[in-house]
Protein backbone atom coordinates (compact mmCIF):
# COMPACT_ATOMS: atom_id res chain seq x y z
CA UNK A 1 -23.09 -40.27 -24.01
CA UNK A 2 -24.96 -37.30 -25.46
CA UNK A 3 -26.71 -39.51 -28.01
CA UNK A 4 -27.50 -42.04 -25.28
CA UNK A 5 -28.97 -39.27 -23.14
CA UNK A 6 -31.19 -38.10 -26.01
CA UNK A 7 -32.38 -41.64 -26.71
CA UNK A 8 -33.07 -42.25 -23.01
CA UNK A 9 -35.09 -39.03 -22.83
CA UNK A 10 -37.06 -40.05 -25.93
CA UNK A 11 -37.68 -43.49 -24.43
CA UNK A 12 -38.76 -41.93 -21.13
CA UNK A 13 -41.25 -39.71 -22.95
CA UNK A 14 -42.66 -42.52 -25.08
CA UNK A 15 -42.98 -44.88 -22.10
CA UNK A 16 -44.75 -42.37 -19.85
CA UNK A 17 -47.50 -43.66 -17.57
CA UNK A 18 -50.81 -43.95 -19.38
CA UNK A 19 -49.06 -44.07 -22.72
CA UNK A 20 -49.58 -47.78 -23.07
CA UNK A 21 -45.89 -48.57 -23.52
CA UNK A 22 -43.51 -50.27 -21.17
CA UNK A 23 -39.81 -49.61 -20.72
CA UNK A 24 -39.82 -46.58 -18.48
CA UNK A 25 -37.37 -48.25 -16.11
CA UNK A 26 -34.99 -48.95 -19.04
CA UNK A 27 -35.15 -45.31 -20.02
CA UNK A 28 -34.38 -44.38 -16.40
CA UNK A 29 -31.33 -46.65 -16.43
CA UNK A 30 -30.18 -44.97 -19.64
CA UNK A 31 -30.61 -41.54 -18.07
CA UNK A 32 -28.69 -42.53 -14.94
CA UNK A 33 -25.88 -44.05 -17.02
CA UNK A 34 -25.47 -41.16 -19.46
CA UNK A 35 -26.14 -38.07 -17.37
CA UNK A 36 -22.93 -38.13 -15.26
CA UNK A 37 -20.78 -38.53 -18.38
CA UNK A 38 -22.53 -35.67 -20.16
CA UNK A 39 -22.26 -33.41 -17.08
CA UNK A 40 -18.56 -34.22 -16.67
CA UNK A 41 -17.89 -33.49 -20.35
CA UNK A 42 -19.80 -30.20 -20.11
CA UNK A 43 -17.81 -29.17 -17.02
CA UNK A 44 -14.56 -30.09 -18.77
CA UNK A 45 -15.48 -27.96 -21.80
CA UNK A 46 -16.59 -25.07 -19.58
CA UNK A 47 -13.23 -25.18 -17.77
CA UNK A 48 -11.38 -25.19 -21.06
CA UNK A 49 -13.25 -22.09 -22.23
CA UNK A 50 -13.17 -20.28 -18.87
CA UNK A 51 -9.52 -20.60 -17.87
CA UNK A 52 -6.29 -19.77 -19.69
CA UNK A 53 -4.31 -22.70 -21.13
CA UNK A 54 -1.63 -22.60 -18.43
CA UNK A 55 -0.76 -24.90 -15.55
CA UNK A 56 2.12 -23.08 -13.81
CA UNK A 57 1.22 -20.08 -11.62
CA UNK A 58 3.67 -17.89 -9.71
CA UNK A 59 3.35 -14.84 -7.51
CA UNK A 60 6.62 -13.52 -8.95
CA UNK A 61 6.61 -13.60 -12.74
CA UNK A 62 10.07 -12.05 -13.13
CA UNK A 63 11.95 -14.31 -10.69
CA UNK A 64 9.63 -17.22 -9.80
CA UNK A 65 10.52 -19.69 -7.05
CA UNK A 66 12.57 -22.60 -8.37
CA UNK A 67 11.84 -26.28 -7.87
CA UNK A 68 15.16 -27.73 -6.73
CA UNK A 69 14.09 -31.01 -5.16
CA UNK A 70 11.23 -32.18 -7.39
CA UNK A 71 11.72 -35.27 -9.56
CA UNK A 72 11.53 -33.27 -12.82
CA UNK A 73 12.51 -29.68 -12.07
CA UNK A 74 11.68 -27.30 -14.89
CA UNK A 75 11.96 -23.56 -15.31
CA UNK A 76 8.93 -21.31 -15.19
CA UNK A 77 7.74 -21.01 -18.81
CA UNK A 78 7.48 -17.19 -18.67
CA UNK A 79 6.61 -15.35 -21.90
CA UNK A 80 3.09 -16.22 -23.04
CA UNK A 81 2.33 -18.05 -19.77
CA UNK A 82 3.17 -14.94 -17.74
CA UNK A 83 1.06 -12.76 -20.06
CA UNK A 84 -1.92 -15.10 -19.77
CA UNK A 85 -1.49 -15.30 -15.99
CA UNK A 86 -1.39 -11.50 -15.60
CA UNK A 87 -4.62 -11.19 -17.60
CA UNK A 88 -6.47 -14.02 -15.83
CA UNK A 89 -5.16 -13.65 -12.28
CA UNK A 90 -4.02 -10.06 -11.64
CA UNK A 91 -4.47 -10.61 -7.88
CA UNK A 92 -1.79 -13.34 -7.69
CA UNK A 93 1.10 -11.33 -6.24
CA UNK A 94 3.78 -11.80 -3.55
CA UNK A 95 2.59 -11.70 0.04
CA UNK A 96 4.19 -9.24 2.47
CA UNK A 97 4.08 -10.20 6.15
CA UNK A 98 5.08 -8.19 9.21
CA UNK A 99 6.86 -11.14 10.81
CA UNK A 100 10.52 -12.19 10.54
CA UNK A 101 11.38 -14.72 7.80
CA UNK A 102 12.00 -17.51 10.34
CA UNK A 103 8.48 -17.08 11.76
CA UNK A 104 6.95 -16.84 8.27
CA UNK A 105 8.74 -20.09 7.40
CA UNK A 106 7.34 -21.83 10.48
CA UNK A 107 3.81 -20.65 9.68
CA UNK A 108 4.07 -21.62 6.01
CA UNK A 109 5.43 -25.08 6.84
CA UNK A 110 2.68 -25.69 9.41
CA UNK A 111 0.03 -24.59 6.91
CA UNK A 112 1.45 -26.84 4.18
CA UNK A 113 1.30 -29.78 6.56
CA UNK A 114 -2.28 -28.91 7.60
CA UNK A 115 -3.21 -28.92 3.91
CA UNK A 116 -1.84 -32.50 3.79
CA UNK A 117 0.85 -31.56 1.31
CA UNK A 118 3.76 -33.98 1.13
CA UNK A 119 6.85 -31.97 2.11
CA UNK A 120 9.68 -32.67 -0.33
CA UNK A 121 12.12 -30.02 0.92
CA UNK A 122 12.25 -27.86 4.03
CA UNK A 123 15.21 -25.49 4.05
CA UNK A 124 14.64 -22.79 6.70
CA UNK A 125 18.12 -21.32 6.14
CA UNK A 126 17.31 -20.79 2.47
CA UNK A 127 13.70 -19.78 3.15
CA UNK A 128 12.49 -22.56 0.90
CA UNK A 129 9.74 -25.17 1.10
CA UNK A 130 8.77 -27.57 -1.65
CA UNK A 131 5.71 -29.79 -1.43
CA UNK A 132 3.35 -31.93 -3.45
CA UNK A 133 -0.39 -31.34 -3.20
CA UNK A 134 -2.77 -34.08 -4.35
CA UNK A 135 -6.31 -33.53 -5.58
CA UNK A 136 -8.99 -35.17 -3.50
CA UNK A 137 -11.00 -36.91 -6.21
CA UNK A 138 -8.44 -38.21 -8.70
CA UNK A 139 -5.18 -37.78 -6.77
CA UNK A 140 -3.56 -35.52 -9.39
CA UNK A 141 -0.18 -34.28 -8.17
CA UNK A 142 0.65 -30.57 -8.19
CA UNK A 143 3.98 -29.17 -7.09
CA UNK A 144 4.26 -26.15 -4.81
CA UNK A 145 7.36 -24.05 -4.11
CA UNK A 146 7.39 -21.46 -1.32
CA UNK A 147 10.17 -18.89 -1.07
CA UNK A 148 10.49 -16.61 1.96
CA UNK A 149 12.87 -13.65 2.02
CA UNK A 150 13.46 -10.71 4.33
CA UNK A 151 11.76 -7.49 3.26
CA UNK A 152 11.32 -4.12 5.02
CA UNK A 153 11.53 -5.51 8.55
CA UNK A 154 9.22 -8.40 7.68
CA UNK A 155 8.96 -11.15 5.10
CA UNK A 156 8.12 -11.50 1.44
CA UNK A 157 6.46 -14.80 0.56
CA UNK A 158 6.43 -16.03 -3.04
CA UNK A 159 4.59 -19.14 -4.16
CA UNK A 160 4.62 -21.16 -7.31
CA UNK A 161 2.16 -23.96 -8.00
CA UNK A 162 2.21 -26.12 -11.11
CA UNK A 163 0.37 -29.19 -12.30
CA UNK A 164 2.38 -32.24 -13.27
CA UNK A 165 -0.19 -33.32 -15.84
CA UNK A 166 -2.10 -31.43 -18.50
CA UNK A 167 -1.74 -28.03 -20.06
CA UNK A 168 -4.79 -26.44 -18.41
CA UNK A 169 -5.23 -26.50 -14.65
CA UNK A 170 -8.76 -24.99 -14.67
CA UNK A 171 -7.75 -22.44 -12.04
CA UNK A 172 -6.68 -25.00 -9.43
CA UNK A 173 -3.19 -23.57 -8.92
CA UNK A 174 -4.43 -19.99 -8.64
CA UNK A 175 -7.07 -21.03 -6.08
CA UNK A 176 -4.41 -22.91 -4.11
CA UNK A 177 -2.15 -19.84 -3.98
CA UNK A 178 -5.01 -17.53 -3.01
CA UNK A 179 -6.17 -19.82 -0.21
CA UNK A 180 -2.65 -20.34 1.10
CA UNK A 181 -1.84 -16.63 1.10
CA UNK A 182 -5.14 -15.73 2.76
CA UNK A 183 -4.67 -18.21 5.59
CA UNK A 184 -0.98 -17.36 6.03
CA UNK A 185 -1.81 -13.62 6.19
CA UNK A 186 -4.37 -14.26 8.97
CA UNK A 187 -2.00 -16.45 10.95
CA UNK A 188 0.76 -13.89 10.71
CA UNK A 189 -1.51 -11.24 12.16
CA UNK A 190 -3.02 -9.60 9.10
């Protein structure tokens, strides 16, 4: 695609108006065909260089929420993944709310549904929600676990988001956790 783009640019230049050569429209077709592929490849490479090679993010790195009801439950990788996460996303931490766990569960479940996540498990007694979030463009599936426990007269909310495919999530899981926590904090009254 890069070579095609260069050739299309050369053809465009050689076939410029007043240059006496035809084929400008062919060069334009070449540009239109190659440019999206080159841009996508450049974005892919930028993501690879800009984000750590991890795809499983948790607010609690010592005792992350567990996926009990997902088709392929796996343990949090810990170790190097946790070290890379701490360095890249130091702001991803548990959320403390000043509402009882039952209310925090209701708010979290409602928010998950509003985000169009497919609810796989809803266990209010255990303070556990599991869901699958799908990307808009390609429909990639990411798994989300939410754990809610009582803490200091309120609730402690832990989230874990992991991609089913790939080793690098390009920050998608961290953004999902940040957005979820921010909205949940506002709905719980700050």
